[in-house]
C-alpha atoms as a PDB file:
ATOM      1  CA  MET A   1       0.000   0.000   0.000  1.00  0.00           C
ATOM      2  CA  LYS A   2       2.816   2.358   0.706  1.00  0.00           C
ATOM      3  CA  ALA A   3       4.170   2.204  -2.878  1.00  0.00           C
ATOM      4  CA  PRO A   4       0.999   3.605  -4.571  1.00  0.00           C
ATOM      5  CA  ILE A   5       0.905   6.538  -2.138  1.00  0.00           C
ATOM      6  CA  THR A   6       4.560   7.262  -2.814  1.00  0.00           C
ATOM      7  CA  LEU A   7       4.012   7.068  -6.561  1.00  0.00           C
ATOM      8  CA  LEU A   8       0.993   9.349  -6.308  1.00  0.00           C
ATOM      9  CA  GLY A   9       2.979  11.765  -4.145  1.00  0.00           C
ATOM     10  CA  LEU A  10       5.849  11.719  -6.604  1.00  0.00           C
ATOM     11  CA  ALA A  11       3.452  12.286  -9.500  1.00  0.00           C
ATOM     12  CA  GLY A  12       1.892  15.224  -7.640  1.00  0.00           C
ATOM     13  CA  ILE A  13       5.291  16.797  -6.991  1.00  0.00           C
ATOM     14  CA  LEU A  14       6.249  16.286 -10.632  1.00  0.00           C
ATOM     15  CA  VAL A  15       3.014  17.881 -11.919  1.00  0.00           C
ATOM     16  CA  PHE A  16       3.378  20.795  -9.478  1.00  0.00           C
ATOM     17  CA  GLY A  17       7.015  21.327 -10.453  1.00  0.00           C
ATOM     18  CA  VAL A  18       6.290  21.303 -14.184  1.00  0.00           C
ATOM     19  CA  THR A  19       3.299  23.630 -13.743  1.00  0.00           C
ATOM     20  CA  ALA A  20       5.321  26.044 -11.607  1.00  0.00           C
ATOM     21  CA  SER A  21       8.210  26.095 -14.060  1.00  0.00           C
ATOM     22  CA  LEU A  22       5.874  26.744 -17.003  1.00  0.00           C
ATOM     23  CA  THR A  23       4.255  29.578 -15.077  1.00  0.00           C
ATOM     24  CA  LEU A  24       7.653  31.199 -14.571  1.00  0.00           C
ATOM     25  CA  LEU A  25       8.693  31.031 -18.224  1.00  0.00           C
ATOM     26  CA  PRO A  26       6.816  34.148 -19.440  1.00  0.00           C
ATOM     27  CA  ALA A  27       8.154  36.241 -16.554  1.00  0.00           C
ATOM     28  CA  GLN A  28      11.688  35.054 -17.204  1.00  0.00           C
ATOM     29  CA  ALA A  29      11.344  35.715 -20.940  1.00  0.00           C
ATOM     30  CA  ALA A  30      10.023  39.234 -20.291  1.00  0.00           C
ATOM     31  CA  SER A  31      13.060  40.109 -18.205  1.00  0.00           C
ATOM     32  CA  VAL A  32      15.472  39.309 -21.055  1.00  0.00           C
ATOM     33  CA  ALA A  33      16.126  42.414 -23.156  1.00  0.00           C
ATOM     34  CA  PRO A  34      15.925  41.837 -26.909  1.00  0.00           C
ATOM     35  CA  SER A  35      19.070  42.213 -28.968  1.00  0.00           C
ATOM     36  CA  PRO A  36      19.403  45.513 -30.866  1.00  0.00           C
ATOM     37  CA  GLU A  37      18.740  43.635 -34.114  1.00  0.00           C
ATOM     38  CA  ALA A  38      15.593  42.004 -32.711  1.00  0.00           C
ATOM     39  CA  GLN A  39      14.392  45.361 -31.382  1.00  0.00           C
ATOM     40  CA  LEU A  40      14.876  47.024 -34.788  1.00  0.00           C
ATOM     41  CA  GLU A  41      13.070  44.164 -36.513  1.00  0.00           C
ATOM     42  CA  ARG A  42      10.166  44.460 -34.043  1.00  0.00           C
ATOM     43  CA  GLY A  43      10.027  48.212 -34.680  1.00  0.00           C
ATOM     44  CA  ARG A  44      10.123  47.650 -38.453  1.00  0.00           C
ATOM     45  CA  TYR A  45       7.238  45.173 -38.177  1.00  0.00           C
ATOM     46  CA  LEU A  46       5.137  47.526 -36.050  1.00  0.00           C
ATOM     47  CA  VAL A  47       5.756  50.567 -38.269  1.00  0.00           C
ATOM     48  CA  LEU A  48       5.451  48.921 -41.677  1.00  0.00           C
ATOM     49  CA  ARG A  49       3.094  45.997 -41.099  1.00  0.00           C
ATOM     50  CA  THR A  50       0.913  46.846 -38.105  1.00  0.00           C
ATOM     51  CA  GLY A  51       0.724  50.635 -37.818  1.00  0.00           C
ATOM     52  CA  LEU A  52       0.930  51.028 -41.615  1.00  0.00           C
ATOM     53  CA  CYS A  53       2.663  54.366 -41.041  1.00  0.00           C
ATOM     54  CA  THR A  54       3.807  54.500 -44.663  1.00  0.00           C
ATOM     55  CA  ASP A  55       0.206  54.962 -45.828  1.00  0.00           C
ATOM     56  CA  CYS A  56       0.208  58.578 -44.649  1.00  0.00           C
ATOM     57  CA  HIS A  57       3.852  59.407 -43.907  1.00  0.00           C
ATOM     58  CA  SER A  58       5.258  58.433 -47.334  1.00  0.00           C
ATOM     59  CA  PRO A  59       4.703  60.244 -50.631  1.00  0.00           C
ATOM     60  CA  ARG A  60       3.148  58.550 -53.633  1.00  0.00           C
ATOM     61  CA  ASN A  61       3.741  58.872 -57.350  1.00  0.00           C
ATOM     62  CA  GLU A  62       1.131  59.904 -59.946  1.00  0.00           C
ATOM     63  CA  ARG A  63      -0.228  56.315 -59.996  1.00  0.00           C
ATOM     64  CA  GLY A  64      -0.730  56.314 -56.213  1.00  0.00           C
ATOM     65  CA  GLU A  65       2.191  53.950 -55.580  1.00  0.00           C
ATOM     66  CA  LEU A  66       4.479  54.558 -52.617  1.00  0.00           C
ATOM     67  CA  ILE A  67       7.829  56.069 -53.540  1.00  0.00           C
ATOM     68  CA  GLU A  68      10.129  53.604 -51.790  1.00  0.00           C
ATOM     69  CA  SER A  69      13.134  55.939 -51.787  1.00  0.00           C
ATOM     70  CA  ARG A  70      11.085  58.508 -49.810  1.00  0.00           C
ATOM     71  CA  GLN A  71       9.540  56.063 -47.329  1.00  0.00           C
ATOM     72  CA  LEU A  72       8.459  57.772 -44.083  1.00  0.00           C
ATOM     73  CA  MET A  73       9.797  61.148 -45.261  1.00  0.00           C
ATOM     74  CA  GLY A  74       6.431  62.891 -44.788  1.00  0.00           C
ATOM     75  CA  ALA A  75       3.720  63.567 -47.321  1.00  0.00           C
ATOM     76  CA  PRO A  76       0.492  65.437 -47.977  1.00  0.00           C
ATOM     77  CA  ILE A  77      -2.539  63.502 -46.753  1.00  0.00           C
ATOM     78  CA  PRO A  78      -4.282  62.424 -49.992  1.00  0.00           C
ATOM     79  CA  PHE A  79      -7.799  62.593 -48.526  1.00  0.00           C
ATOM     80  CA  ALA A  80      -9.871  64.936 -46.398  1.00  0.00           C
ATOM     81  CA  PRO A  81     -12.820  64.653 -44.037  1.00  0.00           C
ATOM     82  CA  THR A  82     -16.295  65.019 -45.490  1.00  0.00           C
ATOM     83  CA  VAL A  83     -17.388  67.331 -42.660  1.00  0.00           C
ATOM     84  CA  PRO A  84     -15.582  70.312 -41.112  1.00  0.00           C
ATOM     85  CA  MET A  85     -13.268  69.163 -38.315  1.00  0.00           C
ATOM     86  CA  PRO A  86      -9.722  69.687 -37.049  1.00  0.00           C
ATOM     87  CA  TRP A  87      -7.458  67.987 -39.589  1.00  0.00           C
ATOM     88  CA  MET A  88      -3.760  67.671 -40.367  1.00  0.00           C
ATOM     89  CA  PRO A  89      -3.296  68.005 -44.142  1.00  0.00           C
ATOM     90  CA  VAL A  90       0.357  66.874 -44.053  1.00  0.00           C
ATOM     91  CA  ALA A  91       1.883  63.855 -42.297  1.00  0.00           C
ATOM     92  CA  PRO A  92       5.319  64.749 -40.886  1.00  0.00           C
ATOM     93  CA  ARG A  93       8.581  62.967 -41.571  1.00  0.00           C
ATOM     94  CA  LEU A  94       9.150  59.972 -39.280  1.00  0.00           C
ATOM     95  CA  ALA A  95      12.493  58.760 -40.664  1.00  0.00           C
ATOM     96  CA  GLY A  96      15.284  59.674 -38.253  1.00  0.00           C
ATOM     97  CA  LEU A  97      12.536  60.681 -35.742  1.00  0.00           C
ATOM     98  CA  PRO A  98      10.086  63.533 -36.311  1.00  0.00           C
ATOM     99  CA  ALA A  99      11.362  67.105 -35.986  1.00  0.00           C
ATOM    100  CA  GLY A 100      11.371  68.218 -32.354  1.00  0.00           C
ATOM    101  CA  PHE A 101      11.441  64.682 -30.917  1.00  0.00           C
ATOM    102  CA  ASN A 102      14.295  62.847 -29.284  1.00  0.00           C
ATOM    103  CA  GLU A 103      14.032  59.107 -28.707  1.00  0.00           C
ATOM    104  CA  GLU A 104      12.674  59.418 -25.140  1.00  0.00           C
ATOM    105  CA  GLN A 105      10.035  61.911 -26.272  1.00  0.00           C
ATOM    106  CA  MET A 106       9.023  59.624 -29.129  1.00  0.00           C
ATOM    107  CA  ILE A 107       8.605  56.691 -26.757  1.00  0.00           C
ATOM    108  CA  HIS A 108       6.473  58.847 -24.449  1.00  0.00           C
ATOM    109  CA  PHE A 109       4.379  60.055 -27.404  1.00  0.00           C
ATOM    110  CA  LEU A 110       3.771  56.502 -28.658  1.00  0.00           C
ATOM    111  CA  MET A 111       2.665  55.420 -25.193  1.00  0.00           C
ATOM    112  CA  THR A 112       0.501  58.431 -24.258  1.00  0.00           C
ATOM    113  CA  GLY A 113      -0.199  60.562 -27.332  1.00  0.00           C
ATOM    114  CA  GLU A 114       1.424  63.526 -25.570  1.00  0.00           C
ATOM    115  CA  ARG A 115       3.802  65.519 -27.734  1.00  0.00           C
ATOM    116  CA  PRO A 116       6.926  67.306 -26.450  1.00  0.00           C
ATOM    117  CA  ASN A 117       6.791  70.791 -24.944  1.00  0.00           C
ATOM    118  CA  GLY A 118       3.118  70.552 -23.996  1.00  0.00           C
ATOM    119  CA  ARG A 119       1.847  70.738 -27.558  1.00  0.00           C
ATOM    120  CA  GLY A 120      -1.628  69.273 -27.949  1.00  0.00           C
ATOM    121  CA  GLN A 121      -2.552  65.845 -29.207  1.00  0.00           C
ATOM    122  CA  PRO A 122      -1.938  65.250 -32.917  1.00  0.00           C
ATOM    123  CA  LEU A 123      -4.865  65.979 -35.194  1.00  0.00           C
ATOM    124  CA  PRO A 124      -6.721  63.381 -37.215  1.00  0.00           C
ATOM    125  CA  PRO A 125      -6.168  61.388 -39.288  1.00  0.00           C
ATOM    126  CA  MET A 126      -3.393  60.326 -36.855  1.00  0.00           C
ATOM    127  CA  PRO A 127      -4.884  57.483 -34.807  1.00  0.00           C
ATOM    128  CA  PRO A 128      -4.513  57.572 -31.022  1.00  0.00           C
ATOM    129  CA  PHE A 129      -1.926  54.803 -30.713  1.00  0.00           C
ATOM    130  CA  ARG A 130      -1.100  53.668 -27.166  1.00  0.00           C
ATOM    131  CA  PHE A 131       1.775  51.205 -27.359  1.00  0.00           C
ATOM    132  CA  ASP A 132       3.355  49.506 -24.368  1.00  0.00           C
ATOM    133  CA  HIS A 133       6.895  50.515 -23.405  1.00  0.00           C
ATOM    134  CA  ASP A 134       8.645  47.659 -25.233  1.00  0.00           C
ATOM    135  CA  ASP A 135       6.800  48.277 -28.513  1.00  0.00           C
ATOM    136  CA  ALA A 136       7.205  52.073 -28.266  1.00  0.00           C
ATOM    137  CA  THR A 137      10.941  51.605 -27.646  1.00  0.00           C
ATOM    138  CA  ALA A 138      11.249  49.299 -30.658  1.00  0.00           C
ATOM    139  CA  ILE A 139       9.360  51.741 -32.905  1.00  0.00           C
ATOM    140  CA  ALA A 140      11.475  54.709 -31.769  1.00  0.00           C
ATOM    141  CA  ALA A 141      14.686  52.722 -32.321  1.00  0.00           C
ATOM    142  CA  PHE A 142      13.580  51.723 -35.814  1.00  0.00           C
ATOM    143  CA  LEU A 143      12.566  55.258 -36.790  1.00  0.00           C
ATOM    144  CA  ARG A 144      15.831  56.665 -35.402  1.00  0.00           C
ATOM    145  CA  SER A 145      17.762  54.108 -37.486  1.00  0.00           C
ATOM    146  CA  LEU A 146      16.320  55.438 -40.756  1.00  0.00           C
ATOM    147  CA  PRO A 147      18.187  58.178 -42.605  1.00  0.00           C
ATOM    148  CA  ALA A 148      16.392  61.507 -42.360  1.00  0.00           C
ATOM    149  CA  LYS A 149      17.722  62.440 -45.846  1.00  0.00           C
END
């Protein structure tokens, strides 16, 4: 009789240990800082694939195609609201970071929507992004890495 209890006890300890170690994995992974290359790649993904920043912040040719050599260099917004409202007709340059922003200010802006020096929130059509610190840091690093030409 003693053997089954011992086996059950051992199985319980094993299950508890595996469960506890799996629970700790995400916390341990979060504490590991990404490599600079991984951070830039994350920023690239968020800017180009998720935020689709190029749609407004990059100029287009006469056929409406993005001009790759001018990516994220700022551009006129090619549409307007159908009713009167506050509106930004030009999307600023993001490559190399927008004018008036350092990297810390850009991270803060991406997390809160607050611009440097107490300037108000950006006007539409800029969406009110609210990234977490890791994503905002990756985006700012990627934008800073681009030549401001």
